[in-house]
Amino acid sequence: MDESFLKKSLDYRSTREERYKELSKDKLFKVAVKKIQTTMIGALSTLEESFGFLWGFDNNLEKTEDQKKLLDIYEDARAKILDRGNTQIRNLESEFVNYDIVRKKHYINLPIAKKTGDN
């Protein structure tokens, strides 16, 4: 009976460790994806803030023909940036398959003082 209990205990521990690895990998992947997306959107936002006046980004007035052409160029560049970023996210996902990732656990060591007094 002791052997079966030990085997079950080891199996449970192994299963728990494998599950923790998967959760660690998923968490890291989600964080990495969010950082890539933030970089893409931030870059596009910077372009809009710096050059948006060229295609009338800030105003609701009728756009000139030149502004419409520049807006088309910007929208094409924007689509390419987002496509390339999403391709890199897919590449990152396929790369993660090659790694075992374990997130460090946080431990807090609390000091224990002996009680002074009668006992």
PDB file of N, CA and C in Angstrom:
ATOM      1  N   MET A   1       0.809  -1.189   0.000  1.00  0.00           N
ATOM      2  CA  MET A   1       0.000   0.000   0.000  1.00  0.00           C
ATOM      3  C   MET A   1       0.859   1.261   0.000  1.00  0.00           C
ATOM      4  N   ASP A   2       2.000   1.214   0.669  1.00  0.00           N
ATOM      5  CA  ASP A   2       2.884   2.372   0.700  1.00  0.00           C
ATOM      6  C   ASP A   2       3.408   2.712  -0.681  1.00  0.00           C
ATOM      7  N   GLU A   3       3.701   1.681  -1.495  1.00  0.00           N
ATOM      8  CA  GLU A   3       4.224   1.929  -2.843  1.00  0.00           C
ATOM      9  C   GLU A   3       3.201   2.632  -3.716  1.00  0.00           C
ATOM     10  N   SER A   4       1.937   2.230  -3.634  1.00  0.00           N
ATOM     11  CA  SER A   4       0.917   2.865  -4.474  1.00  0.00           C
ATOM     12  C   SER A   4       0.692   4.317  -4.031  1.00  0.00           C
ATOM     13  N   PHE A   5       0.738   4.559  -2.739  1.00  0.00           N
ATOM     14  CA  PHE A   5       0.600   5.936  -2.249  1.00  0.00           C
ATOM     15  C   PHE A   5       1.758   6.791  -2.727  1.00  0.00           C
ATOM     16  N   LEU A   6       2.966   6.255  -2.658  1.00  0.00           N
ATOM     17  CA  LEU A   6       4.158   6.976  -3.108  1.00  0.00           C
ATOM     18  C   LEU A   6       4.082   7.243  -4.601  1.00  0.00           C
ATOM     19  N   LYS A   7       3.653   6.250  -5.379  1.00  0.00           N
ATOM     20  CA  LYS A   7       3.537   6.416  -6.828  1.00  0.00           C
ATOM     21  C   LYS A   7       2.501   7.485  -7.157  1.00  0.00           C
ATOM     22  N   LYS A   8       1.352   7.437  -6.475  1.00  0.00           N
ATOM     23  CA  LYS A   8       0.318   8.453  -6.708  1.00  0.00           C
ATOM     24  C   LYS A   8       0.831   9.841  -6.338  1.00  0.00           C
ATOM     25  N   SER A   9       1.557   9.913  -5.258  1.00  0.00           N
ATOM     26  CA  SER A   9       2.105  11.192  -4.809  1.00  0.00           C
ATOM     27  C   SER A   9       3.096  11.747  -5.835  1.00  0.00           C
ATOM     28  N   LEU A  10       3.971  10.885  -6.344  1.00  0.00           N
ATOM     29  CA  LEU A  10       4.944  11.316  -7.348  1.00  0.00           C
ATOM     30  C   LEU A  10       4.261  11.691  -8.656  1.00  0.00           C
ATOM     31  N   ASP A  11       3.248  10.916  -9.049  1.00  0.00           N
ATOM     32  CA  ASP A  11       2.502  11.234 -10.269  1.00  0.00           C
ATOM     33  C   ASP A  11       1.801  12.578 -10.136  1.00  0.00           C
ATOM     34  N   TYR A  12       1.199  12.810  -8.979  1.00  0.00           N
ATOM     35  CA  TYR A  12       0.516  14.078  -8.741  1.00  0.00           C
ATOM     36  C   TYR A  12       1.499  15.242  -8.803  1.00  0.00           C
ATOM     37  N   ARG A  13       2.654  15.044  -8.193  1.00  0.00           N
ATOM     38  CA  ARG A  13       3.675  16.100  -8.187  1.00  0.00           C
ATOM     39  C   ARG A  13       4.159  16.388  -9.609  1.00  0.00           C
ATOM     40  N   SER A  14       4.404  15.334 -10.371  1.00  0.00           N
ATOM     41  CA  SER A  14       4.853  15.488 -11.752  1.00  0.00           C
ATOM     42  C   SER A  14       3.793  16.200 -12.593  1.00  0.00           C
ATOM     43  N   THR A  15       2.548  15.809 -12.432  1.00  0.00           N
ATOM     44  CA  THR A  15       1.451  16.440 -13.161  1.00  0.00           C
ATOM     45  C   THR A  15       1.337  17.909 -12.790  1.00  0.00           C
ATOM     46  N   ARG A  16       1.461  18.205 -11.516  1.00  0.00           N
ATOM     47  CA  ARG A  16       1.388  19.581 -11.036  1.00  0.00           C
ATOM     48  C   ARG A  16       2.533  20.427 -11.608  1.00  0.00           C
ATOM     49  N   GLU A  17       3.736  19.864 -11.655  1.00  0.00           N
ATOM     50  CA  GLU A  17       4.885  20.591 -12.208  1.00  0.00           C
ATOM     51  C   GLU A  17       4.709  20.852 -13.701  1.00  0.00           C
ATOM     52  N   GLU A  18       4.208  19.866 -14.438  1.00  0.00           N
ATOM     53  CA  GLU A  18       3.979  20.056 -15.876  1.00  0.00           C
ATOM     54  C   GLU A  18       2.919  21.131 -16.112  1.00  0.00           C
ATOM     55  N   ARG A  19       1.877  21.120 -15.303  1.00  0.00           N
ATOM     56  CA  ARG A  19       0.823  22.127 -15.422  1.00  0.00           C
ATOM     57  C   ARG A  19       1.387  23.514 -15.113  1.00  0.00           C
ATOM     58  N   TYR A  20       2.251  23.601 -14.120  1.00  0.00           N
ATOM     59  CA  TYR A  20       2.867  24.880 -13.764  1.00  0.00           C
ATOM     60  C   TYR A  20       3.751  25.390 -14.904  1.00  0.00           C
ATOM     61  N   LYS A  21       4.463  24.479 -15.569  1.00  0.00           N
ATOM     62  CA  LYS A  21       5.278  24.872 -16.723  1.00  0.00           C
ATOM     63  C   LYS A  21       4.398  25.456 -17.828  1.00  0.00           C
ATOM     64  N   GLU A  22       3.273  24.799 -18.100  1.00  0.00           N
ATOM     65  CA  GLU A  22       2.375  25.283 -19.140  1.00  0.00           C
ATOM     66  C   GLU A  22       1.794  26.653 -18.779  1.00  0.00           C
ATOM     67  N   LEU A  23       1.397  26.804 -17.535  1.00  0.00           N
ATOM     68  CA  LEU A  23       0.867  28.093 -17.094  1.00  0.00           C
ATOM     69  C   LEU A  23       1.933  29.186 -17.175  1.00  0.00           C
ATOM     70  N   SER A  24       3.169  28.842 -16.826  1.00  0.00           N
ATOM     71  CA  SER A  24       4.279  29.801 -16.898  1.00  0.00           C
ATOM     72  C   SER A  24       4.527  30.223 -18.340  1.00  0.00           C
ATOM     73  N   LYS A  25       4.533  29.245 -19.238  1.00  0.00           N
ATOM     74  CA  LYS A  25       4.762  29.539 -20.657  1.00  0.00           C
ATOM     75  C   LYS A  25       3.643  30.414 -21.208  1.00  0.00           C
ATOM     76  N   ASP A  26       2.410  30.084 -20.881  1.00  0.00           N
ATOM     77  CA  ASP A  26       1.273  30.875 -21.354  1.00  0.00           C
ATOM     78  C   ASP A  26       1.336  32.309 -20.840  1.00  0.00           C
ATOM     79  N   LYS A  27       1.681  32.465 -19.579  1.00  0.00           N
ATOM     80  CA  LYS A  27       1.758  33.810 -18.988  1.00  0.00           C
ATOM     81  C   LYS A  27       2.846  34.638 -19.680  1.00  0.00           C
ATOM     82  N   LEU A  28       4.020  34.048 -19.872  1.00  0.00           N
ATOM     83  CA  LEU A  28       5.106  34.763 -20.541  1.00  0.00           C
ATOM     84  C   LEU A  28       4.730  35.113 -21.978  1.00  0.00           C
ATOM     85  N   PHE A  29       4.079  34.191 -22.669  1.00  0.00           N
ATOM     86  CA  PHE A  29       3.665  34.451 -24.052  1.00  0.00           C
ATOM     87  C   PHE A  29       2.683  35.622 -24.102  1.00  0.00           C
ATOM     88  N   LYS A  30       1.710  35.633 -23.205  1.00  0.00           N
ATOM     89  CA  LYS A  30       0.733  36.722 -23.196  1.00  0.00           C
ATOM     90  C   LYS A  30       1.390  38.067 -22.908  1.00  0.00           C
ATOM     91  N   VAL A  31       2.351  38.079 -22.000  1.00  0.00           N
ATOM     92  CA  VAL A  31       3.065  39.318 -21.682  1.00  0.00           C
ATOM     93  C   VAL A  31       3.868  39.786 -22.899  1.00  0.00           C
ATOM     94  N   ALA A  32       4.542  38.848 -23.566  1.00  0.00           N
ATOM     95  CA  ALA A  32       5.349  39.194 -24.745  1.00  0.00           C
ATOM     96  C   ALA A  32       4.468  39.719 -25.874  1.00  0.00           C
ATOM     97  N   VAL A  33       3.320  39.081 -26.104  1.00  0.00           N
ATOM     98  CA  VAL A  33       2.392  39.529 -27.145  1.00  0.00           C
ATOM     99  C   VAL A  33       1.916  40.949 -26.847  1.00  0.00           C
ATOM    100  N   LYS A  34       1.568  41.203 -25.602  1.00  0.00           N
ATOM    101  CA  LYS A  34       1.091  42.531 -25.218  1.00  0.00           C
ATOM    102  C   LYS A  34       2.167  43.587 -25.457  1.00  0.00           C
ATOM    103  N   LYS A  35       3.420  43.241 -25.185  1.00  0.00           N
ATOM    104  CA  LYS A  35       4.512  44.196 -25.394  1.00  0.00           C
ATOM    105  C   LYS A  35       4.728  44.471 -26.886  1.00  0.00           C
ATOM    106  N   ILE A  36       4.628  43.442 -27.719  1.00  0.00           N
ATOM    107  CA  ILE A  36       4.760  43.637 -29.169  1.00  0.00           C
ATOM    108  C   ILE A  36       3.618  44.507 -29.681  1.00  0.00           C
ATOM    109  N   GLN A  37       2.392  44.214 -29.239  1.00  0.00           N
ATOM    110  CA  GLN A  37       1.240  45.005 -29.672  1.00  0.00           C
ATOM    111  C   GLN A  37       1.365  46.461 -29.217  1.00  0.00           C
ATOM    112  N   THR A  38       1.818  46.660 -27.999  1.00  0.00           N
ATOM    113  CA  THR A  38       1.994  48.017 -27.481  1.00  0.00           C
ATOM    114  C   THR A  38       3.026  48.772 -28.302  1.00  0.00           C
ATOM    115  N   THR A  39       4.086  48.085 -28.695  1.00  0.00           N
ATOM    116  CA  THR A  39       5.117  48.714 -29.524  1.00  0.00           C
ATOM    117  C   THR A  39       4.551  49.114 -30.881  1.00  0.00           C
ATOM    118  N   MET A  40       3.775  48.230 -31.504  1.00  0.00           N
ATOM    119  CA  MET A  40       3.196  48.535 -32.820  1.00  0.00           C
ATOM    120  C   MET A  40       2.250  49.731 -32.730  1.00  0.00           C
ATOM    121  N   ILE A  41       1.342  49.688 -31.779  1.00  0.00           N
ATOM    122  CA  ILE A  41       0.345  50.753 -31.653  1.00  0.00           C
ATOM    123  C   ILE A  41       1.007  52.067 -31.244  1.00  0.00           C
ATOM    124  N   GLY A  42       2.005  51.991 -30.385  1.00  0.00           N
ATOM    125  CA  GLY A  42       2.731  53.199 -29.981  1.00  0.00           C
ATOM    126  C   GLY A  42       3.454  53.843 -31.147  1.00  0.00           C
ATOM    127  N   ALA A  43       4.055  53.012 -31.998  1.00  0.00           N
ATOM    128  CA  ALA A  43       4.751  53.548 -33.177  1.00  0.00           C
ATOM    129  C   ALA A  43       3.753  54.225 -34.119  1.00  0.00           C
ATOM    130  N   LEU A  44       2.617  53.596 -34.326  1.00  0.00           N
ATOM    131  CA  LEU A  44       1.600  54.198 -35.199  1.00  0.00           C
ATOM    132  C   LEU A  44       1.067  55.493 -34.610  1.00  0.00           C
ATOM    133  N   SER A  45       0.881  55.517 -33.310  1.00  0.00           N
ATOM    134  CA  SER A  45       0.406  56.724 -32.642  1.00  0.00           C
ATOM    135  C   SER A  45       1.406  57.861 -32.797  1.00  0.00           C
ATOM    136  N   THR A  46       2.690  57.540 -32.678  1.00  0.00           N
ATOM    137  CA  THR A  46       3.736  58.557 -32.846  1.00  0.00           C
ATOM    138  C   THR A  46       3.716  59.117 -34.262  1.00  0.00           C
ATOM    139  N   LEU A  47       3.552  58.251 -35.243  1.00  0.00           N
ATOM    140  CA  LEU A  47       3.471  58.720 -36.636  1.00  0.00           C
ATOM    141  C   LEU A  47       2.264  59.633 -36.833  1.00  0.00           C
ATOM    142  N   GLU A  48       1.122  59.243 -36.260  1.00  0.00           N
ATOM    143  CA  GLU A  48      -0.081  60.066 -36.398  1.00  0.00           C
ATOM    144  C   GLU A  48       0.090  61.423 -35.730  1.00  0.00           C
ATOM    145  N   GLU A  49       0.706  61.427 -34.542  1.00  0.00           N
ATOM    146  CA  GLU A  49       0.920  62.693 -33.830  1.00  0.00           C
ATOM    147  C   GLU A  49       1.900  63.593 -34.568  1.00  0.00           C
ATOM    148  N   SER A  50       2.942  62.989 -35.131  1.00  0.00           N
ATOM    149  CA  SER A  50       4.000  63.790 -35.765  1.00  0.00           C
ATOM    150  C   SER A  50       3.673  64.193 -37.195  1.00  0.00           C
ATOM    151  N   PHE A  51       3.013  63.321 -37.938  1.00  0.00           N
ATOM    152  CA  PHE A  51       2.805  63.584 -39.359  1.00  0.00           C
ATOM    153  C   PHE A  51       1.340  63.624 -39.779  1.00  0.00           C
ATOM    154  N   GLY A  52       0.438  63.428 -38.814  1.00  0.00           N
ATOM    155  CA  GLY A  52      -0.988  63.383 -39.138  1.00  0.00           C
ATOM    156  C   GLY A  52      -1.522  64.647 -39.784  1.00  0.00           C
ATOM    157  N   PHE A  53      -0.887  65.767 -39.498  1.00  0.00           N
ATOM    158  CA  PHE A  53      -1.325  67.029 -40.098  1.00  0.00           C
ATOM    159  C   PHE A  53      -1.226  66.974 -41.626  1.00  0.00           C
ATOM    160  N   LEU A  54      -0.342  66.113 -42.143  1.00  0.00           N
ATOM    161  CA  LEU A  54      -0.173  66.016 -43.595  1.00  0.00           C
ATOM    162  C   LEU A  54      -1.423  65.471 -44.285  1.00  0.00           C
ATOM    163  N   TRP A  55      -2.160  64.603 -43.616  1.00  0.00           N
ATOM    164  CA  TRP A  55      -3.382  64.056 -44.215  1.00  0.00           C
ATOM    165  C   TRP A  55      -4.639  64.501 -43.469  1.00  0.00           C
ATOM    166  N   GLY A  56      -4.510  65.562 -42.669  1.00  0.00           N
ATOM    167  CA  GLY A  56      -5.671  66.123 -41.990  1.00  0.00           C
ATOM    168  C   GLY A  56      -6.210  65.241 -40.884  1.00  0.00           C
ATOM    169  N   PHE A  57      -5.321  64.628 -40.139  1.00  0.00           N
ATOM    170  CA  PHE A  57      -5.703  63.689 -39.082  1.00  0.00           C
ATOM    171  C   PHE A  57      -6.495  64.361 -37.967  1.00  0.00           C
ATOM    172  N   ASP A  58      -6.146  65.583 -37.619  1.00  0.00           N
ATOM    173  CA  ASP A  58      -6.755  66.245 -36.464  1.00  0.00           C
ATOM    174  C   ASP A  58      -7.992  67.066 -36.782  1.00  0.00           C
ATOM    175  N   ASN A  59      -8.274  67.284 -38.052  1.00  0.00           N
ATOM    176  CA  ASN A  59      -9.416  68.155 -38.338  1.00  0.00           C
ATOM    177  C   ASN A  59     -10.508  67.389 -39.087  1.00  0.00           C
ATOM    178  N   ASN A  60     -11.697  67.948 -39.031  1.00  0.00           N
ATOM    179  CA  ASN A  60     -12.846  67.326 -39.686  1.00  0.00           C
ATOM    180  C   ASN A  60     -13.196  68.023 -41.001  1.00  0.00           C
ATOM    181  N   LEU A  61     -12.278  68.827 -41.488  1.00  0.00           N
ATOM    182  CA  LEU A  61     -12.518  69.558 -42.729  1.00  0.00           C
ATOM    183  C   LEU A  61     -12.406  68.613 -43.922  1.00  0.00           C
ATOM    184  N   GLU A  62     -12.931  69.051 -45.031  1.00  0.00           N
ATOM    185  CA  GLU A  62     -12.816  68.273 -46.262  1.00  0.00           C
ATOM    186  C   GLU A  62     -11.339  68.152 -46.633  1.00  0.00           C
ATOM    187  N   LYS A  63     -10.920  66.953 -46.967  1.00  0.00           N
ATOM    188  CA  LYS A  63      -9.510  66.711 -47.291  1.00  0.00           C
ATOM    189  C   LYS A  63      -9.224  67.090 -48.746  1.00  0.00           C
ATOM    190  N   THR A  64      -8.035  67.651 -48.944  1.00  0.00           N
ATOM    191  CA  THR A  64      -7.602  67.975 -50.307  1.00  0.00           C
ATOM    192  C   THR A  64      -7.178  66.686 -50.999  1.00  0.00           C
ATOM    193  N   GLU A  65      -6.960  66.755 -52.271  1.00  0.00           N
ATOM    194  CA  GLU A  65      -6.510  65.574 -53.022  1.00  0.00           C
ATOM    195  C   GLU A  65      -5.149  65.091 -52.513  1.00  0.00           C
ATOM    196  N   ASP A  66      -4.251  66.015 -52.211  1.00  0.00           N
ATOM    197  CA  ASP A  66      -2.942  65.634 -51.675  1.00  0.00           C
ATOM    198  C   ASP A  66      -3.091  64.941 -50.318  1.00  0.00           C
ATOM    199  N   GLN A  67      -3.963  65.448 -49.473  1.00  0.00           N
ATOM    200  CA  GLN A  67      -4.188  64.820 -48.168  1.00  0.00           C
ATOM    201  C   GLN A  67      -4.771  63.415 -48.330  1.00  0.00           C
ATOM    202  N   LYS A  68      -5.679  63.241 -49.288  1.00  0.00           N
ATOM    203  CA  LYS A  68      -6.250  61.913 -49.529  1.00  0.00           C
ATOM    204  C   LYS A  68      -5.180  60.931 -49.988  1.00  0.00           C
ATOM    205  N   LYS A  69      -4.260  61.393 -50.844  1.00  0.00           N
ATOM    206  CA  LYS A  69      -3.173  60.526 -51.310  1.00  0.00           C
ATOM    207  C   LYS A  69      -2.239  60.148 -50.157  1.00  0.00           C
ATOM    208  N   LEU A  70      -1.908  61.138 -49.335  1.00  0.00           N
ATOM    209  CA  LEU A  70      -1.048  60.869 -48.180  1.00  0.00           C
ATOM    210  C   LEU A  70      -1.735  59.943 -47.176  1.00  0.00           C
ATOM    211  N   LEU A  71      -3.050  60.108 -46.996  1.00  0.00           N
ATOM    212  CA  LEU A  71      -3.791  59.221 -46.109  1.00  0.00           C
ATOM    213  C   LEU A  71      -3.765  57.788 -46.631  1.00  0.00           C
ATOM    214  N   ASP A  72      -3.911  57.620 -47.937  1.00  0.00           N
ATOM    215  CA  ASP A  72      -3.825  56.275 -48.529  1.00  0.00           C
ATOM    216  C   ASP A  72      -2.448  55.661 -48.300  1.00  0.00           C
ATOM    217  N   ILE A  73      -1.397  56.459 -48.465  1.00  0.00           N
ATOM    218  CA  ILE A  73      -0.029  55.971 -48.236  1.00  0.00           C
ATOM    219  C   ILE A  73       0.143  55.568 -46.775  1.00  0.00           C
ATOM    220  N   TYR A  74      -0.368  56.425 -45.859  1.00  0.00           N
ATOM    221  CA  TYR A  74      -0.260  56.112 -44.425  1.00  0.00           C
ATOM    222  C   TYR A  74      -1.033  54.837 -44.094  1.00  0.00           C
ATOM    223  N   GLU A  75      -2.245  54.695 -44.582  1.00  0.00           N
ATOM    224  CA  GLU A  75      -3.061  53.515 -44.270  1.00  0.00           C
ATOM    225  C   GLU A  75      -2.407  52.238 -44.800  1.00  0.00           C
ATOM    226  N   ASP A  76      -1.743  52.338 -45.969  1.00  0.00           N
ATOM    227  CA  ASP A  76      -1.020  51.180 -46.500  1.00  0.00           C
ATOM    228  C   ASP A  76       0.164  50.829 -45.600  1.00  0.00           C
ATOM    229  N   ALA A  77       0.914  51.845 -45.184  1.00  0.00           N
ATOM    230  CA  ALA A  77       2.053  51.615 -44.280  1.00  0.00           C
ATOM    231  C   ALA A  77       1.567  51.067 -42.944  1.00  0.00           C
ATOM    232  N   ARG A  78       0.464  51.580 -42.434  1.00  0.00           N
ATOM    233  CA  ARG A  78      -0.106  51.119 -41.161  1.00  0.00           C
ATOM    234  C   ARG A  78      -0.475  49.639 -41.248  1.00  0.00           C
ATOM    235  N   ALA A  79      -1.127  49.263 -42.343  1.00  0.00           N
ATOM    236  CA  ALA A  79      -1.522  47.861 -42.522  1.00  0.00           C
ATOM    237  C   ALA A  79      -0.291  46.947 -42.577  1.00  0.00           C
ATOM    238  N   LYS A  80       0.769  47.395 -43.254  1.00  0.00           N
ATOM    239  CA  LYS A  80       1.995  46.595 -43.334  1.00  0.00           C
ATOM    240  C   LYS A  80       2.655  46.444 -41.968  1.00  0.00           C
ATOM    241  N   ILE A  81       2.681  47.525 -41.195  1.00  0.00           N
ATOM    242  CA  ILE A  81       3.272  47.471 -39.850  1.00  0.00           C
ATOM    243  C   ILE A  81       2.511  46.472 -38.977  1.00  0.00           C
ATOM    244  N   LEU A  82       1.183  46.552 -39.004  1.00  0.00           N
ATOM    245  CA  LEU A  82       0.376  45.640 -38.190  1.00  0.00           C
ATOM    246  C   LEU A  82       0.512  44.185 -38.662  1.00  0.00           C
ATOM    247  N   ASP A  83       0.549  43.982 -39.979  1.00  0.00           N
ATOM    248  CA  ASP A  83       0.729  42.622 -40.516  1.00  0.00           C
ATOM    249  C   ASP A  83       2.064  42.035 -40.090  1.00  0.00           C
ATOM    250  N   ARG A  84       3.118  42.833 -40.188  1.00  0.00           N
ATOM    251  CA  ARG A  84       4.446  42.336 -39.804  1.00  0.00           C
ATOM    252  C   ARG A  84       4.525  42.058 -38.306  1.00  0.00           C
ATOM    253  N   GLY A  85       3.924  42.913 -37.514  1.00  0.00           N
ATOM    254  CA  GLY A  85       3.898  42.681 -36.075  1.00  0.00           C
ATOM    255  C   GLY A  85       3.144  41.406 -35.726  1.00  0.00           C
ATOM    256  N   ASN A  86       2.003  41.189 -36.368  1.00  0.00           N
ATOM    257  CA  ASN A  86       1.225  39.975 -36.120  1.00  0.00           C
ATOM    258  C   ASN A  86       1.961  38.724 -36.599  1.00  0.00           C
ATOM    259  N   THR A  87       2.715  38.857 -37.686  1.00  0.00           N
ATOM    260  CA  THR A  87       3.545  37.735 -38.150  1.00  0.00           C
ATOM    261  C   THR A  87       4.600  37.403 -37.105  1.00  0.00           C
ATOM    262  N   GLN A  88       5.202  38.432 -36.501  1.00  0.00           N
ATOM    263  CA  GLN A  88       6.210  38.192 -35.463  1.00  0.00           C
ATOM    264  C   GLN A  88       5.588  37.556 -34.220  1.00  0.00           C
ATOM    265  N   ILE A  89       4.361  37.904 -33.919  1.00  0.00           N
ATOM    266  CA  ILE A  89       3.676  37.265 -32.786  1.00  0.00           C
ATOM    267  C   ILE A  89       3.470  35.782 -33.081  1.00  0.00           C
ATOM    268  N   ARG A  90       3.066  35.448 -34.295  1.00  0.00           N
ATOM    269  CA  ARG A  90       2.909  34.030 -34.662  1.00  0.00           C
ATOM    270  C   ARG A  90       4.251  33.306 -34.638  1.00  0.00           C
ATOM    271  N   ASN A  91       5.314  33.974 -35.088  1.00  0.00           N
ATOM    272  CA  ASN A  91       6.655  33.378 -35.038  1.00  0.00           C
ATOM    273  C   ASN A  91       7.082  33.134 -33.594  1.00  0.00           C
ATOM    274  N   LEU A  92       6.778  34.067 -32.727  1.00  0.00           N
ATOM    275  CA  LEU A  92       7.105  33.918 -31.310  1.00  0.00           C
ATOM    276  C   LEU A  92       6.376  32.715 -30.720  1.00  0.00           C
ATOM    277  N   GLU A  93       5.119  32.545 -31.091  1.00  0.00           N
ATOM    278  CA  GLU A  93       4.335  31.416 -30.587  1.00  0.00           C
ATOM    279  C   GLU A  93       4.957  30.087 -31.010  1.00  0.00           C
ATOM    280  N   SER A  94       5.399  29.994 -32.263  1.00  0.00           N
ATOM    281  CA  SER A  94       6.015  28.749 -32.719  1.00  0.00           C
ATOM    282  C   SER A  94       7.389  28.536 -32.073  1.00  0.00           C
ATOM    283  N   GLU A  95       8.057  29.611 -31.703  1.00  0.00           N
ATOM    284  CA  GLU A  95       9.357  29.507 -31.034  1.00  0.00           C
ATOM    285  C   GLU A  95       9.203  29.015 -29.596  1.00  0.00           C
ATOM    286  N   PHE A  96       8.126  29.388 -28.949  1.00  0.00           N
ATOM    287  CA  PHE A  96       7.891  29.000 -27.554  1.00  0.00           C
ATOM    288  C   PHE A  96       7.777  27.487 -27.387  1.00  0.00           C
ATOM    289  N   VAL A  97       7.434  26.782 -28.449  1.00  0.00           N
ATOM    290  CA  VAL A  97       7.300  25.325 -28.380  1.00  0.00           C
ATOM    291  C   VAL A  97       8.639  24.678 -28.022  1.00  0.00           C
ATOM    292  N   ASN A  98       9.731  25.337 -28.348  1.00  0.00           N
ATOM    293  CA  ASN A  98      11.065  24.772 -28.135  1.00  0.00           C
ATOM    294  C   ASN A  98      11.596  24.941 -26.718  1.00  0.00           C
ATOM    295  N   TYR A  99      10.829  25.545 -25.830  1.00  0.00           N
ATOM    296  CA  TYR A  99      11.349  25.875 -24.511  1.00  0.00           C
ATOM    297  C   TYR A  99      10.439  25.376 -23.389  1.00  0.00           C
ATOM    298  N   ASP A 100      11.086  24.989 -22.302  1.00  0.00           N
ATOM    299  CA  ASP A 100      10.389  24.761 -21.045  1.00  0.00           C
ATOM    300  C   ASP A 100      10.603  26.010 -20.212  1.00  0.00           C
ATOM    301  N   ILE A 101       9.528  26.586 -19.756  1.00  0.00           N
ATOM    302  CA  ILE A 101       9.605  27.848 -19.029  1.00  0.00           C
ATOM    303  C   ILE A 101       8.953  27.651 -17.667  1.00  0.00           C
ATOM    304  N   VAL A 102       9.664  28.051 -16.637  1.00  0.00           N
ATOM    305  CA  VAL A 102       9.114  27.969 -15.285  1.00  0.00           C
ATOM    306  C   VAL A 102       9.243  29.344 -14.648  1.00  0.00           C
ATOM    307  N   ARG A 103       8.116  29.863 -14.225  1.00  0.00           N
ATOM    308  CA  ARG A 103       8.095  31.170 -13.577  1.00  0.00           C
ATOM    309  C   ARG A 103       8.618  31.026 -12.154  1.00  0.00           C
ATOM    310  N   LYS A 104       9.448  31.962 -11.758  1.00  0.00           N
ATOM    311  CA  LYS A 104       9.972  31.933 -10.394  1.00  0.00           C
ATOM    312  C   LYS A 104       8.839  32.188  -9.422  1.00  0.00           C
ATOM    313  N   LYS A 105       8.835  31.426  -8.371  1.00  0.00           N
ATOM    314  CA  LYS A 105       7.831  31.604  -7.343  1.00  0.00           C
ATOM    315  C   LYS A 105       8.353  32.612  -6.325  1.00  0.00           C
ATOM    316  N   HIS A 106       7.456  33.347  -5.764  1.00  0.00           N
ATOM    317  CA  HIS A 106       7.831  34.340  -4.765  1.00  0.00           C
ATOM    318  C   HIS A 106       7.574  33.765  -3.375  1.00  0.00           C
ATOM    319  N   TYR A 107       8.587  33.800  -2.588  1.00  0.00           N
ATOM    320  CA  TYR A 107       8.484  33.321  -1.219  1.00  0.00           C
ATOM    321  C   TYR A 107       8.751  34.467  -0.262  1.00  0.00           C
ATOM    322  N   ILE A 108       8.074  34.441   0.842  1.00  0.00           N
ATOM    323  CA  ILE A 108       8.302  35.421   1.893  1.00  0.00           C
ATOM    324  C   ILE A 108       8.725  34.645   3.134  1.00  0.00           C
ATOM    325  N   ASN A 109       9.891  34.953   3.623  1.00  0.00           N
ATOM    326  CA  ASN A 109      10.364  34.334   4.857  1.00  0.00           C
ATOM    327  C   ASN A 109      10.074  35.276   6.005  1.00  0.00           C
ATOM    328  N   LEU A 110       9.218  34.820   6.899  1.00  0.00           N
ATOM    329  CA  LEU A 110       8.873  35.621   8.058  1.00  0.00           C
ATOM    330  C   LEU A 110       9.703  35.144   9.242  1.00  0.00           C
ATOM    331  N   PRO A 111      10.373  36.054   9.895  1.00  0.00           N
ATOM    332  CA  PRO A 111      11.160  35.650  11.061  1.00  0.00           C
ATOM    333  C   PRO A 111      10.236  35.256  12.215  1.00  0.00           C
ATOM    334  N   ILE A 112      10.651  34.247  12.925  1.00  0.00           N
ATOM    335  CA  ILE A 112       9.870  33.797  14.074  1.00  0.00           C
ATOM    336  C   ILE A 112      10.707  34.060  15.318  1.00  0.00           C
ATOM    337  N   ALA A 113      10.153  34.864  16.202  1.00  0.00           N
ATOM    338  CA  ALA A 113      10.853  35.201  17.445  1.00  0.00           C
ATOM    339  C   ALA A 113      10.275  34.354  18.573  1.00  0.00           C
ATOM    340  N   LYS A 114      11.135  33.954  19.440  1.00  0.00           N
ATOM    341  CA  LYS A 114      10.666  33.202  20.598  1.00  0.00           C
ATOM    342  C   LYS A 114       9.912  34.127  21.528  1.00  0.00           C
ATOM    343  N   LYS A 115       8.854  33.596  22.049  1.00  0.00           N
ATOM    344  CA  LYS A 115       8.026  34.363  22.969  1.00  0.00           C
ATOM    345  C   LYS A 115       8.736  34.447  24.318  1.00  0.00           C
ATOM    346  N   THR A 116       8.837  35.629  24.793  1.00  0.00           N
ATOM    347  CA  THR A 116       9.475  35.796  26.106  1.00  0.00           C
ATOM    348  C   THR A 116       8.393  35.770  27.168  1.00  0.00           C
ATOM    349  N   GLY A 117       8.693  35.215  28.264  1.00  0.00           N
ATOM    350  CA  GLY A 117       7.718  35.168  29.337  1.00  0.00           C
ATOM    351  C   GLY A 117       7.782  33.853  30.072  1.00  0.00           C
ATOM    352  N   ASP A 118       6.673  33.481  30.646  1.00  0.00           N
ATOM    353  CA  ASP A 118       6.622  32.280  31.488  1.00  0.00           C
ATOM    354  C   ASP A 118       6.819  31.002  30.675  1.00  0.00           C
ATOM    355  N   ASN A 119       6.191  30.910  29.521  1.00  0.00           N
ATOM    356  CA  ASN A 119       6.263  29.654  28.752  1.00  0.00           C
ATOM    357  C   ASN A 119       7.312  29.770  27.713  1.00  0.00           C
TER     358      ASN A 119
END
